[in-house]
Amino acid sequence: MKVKTLHEIHDEGINALRKTLGPVDMVRFIQMFDHGKVDYTKERKQWLPDNPDEVKERLLKRQKKIKKQ
């Protein structure tokens, strides 16, 4: 049995919803799982450094830590 990618699962799920519910009710169903209104652009300043080099360094450190586990 082939393991499906998340993209394949997503596409199949959307197609099943559209086929069963129709496009309007499909969107209404998906909106039921909305996790609130978040202003990513505003909030990212609280946790994301302004310096892209610092972001890169953090990601590299995290990647090394994960590889050691």
Foldseek 3Di string as FASTA:
>chain_A
DDDDDPVVVVVVVLVVLCVVPNDVVSVVVVVVPDPDDDDCVVCVVVPPDPDVVVVVVVVVVVVVVVVVD
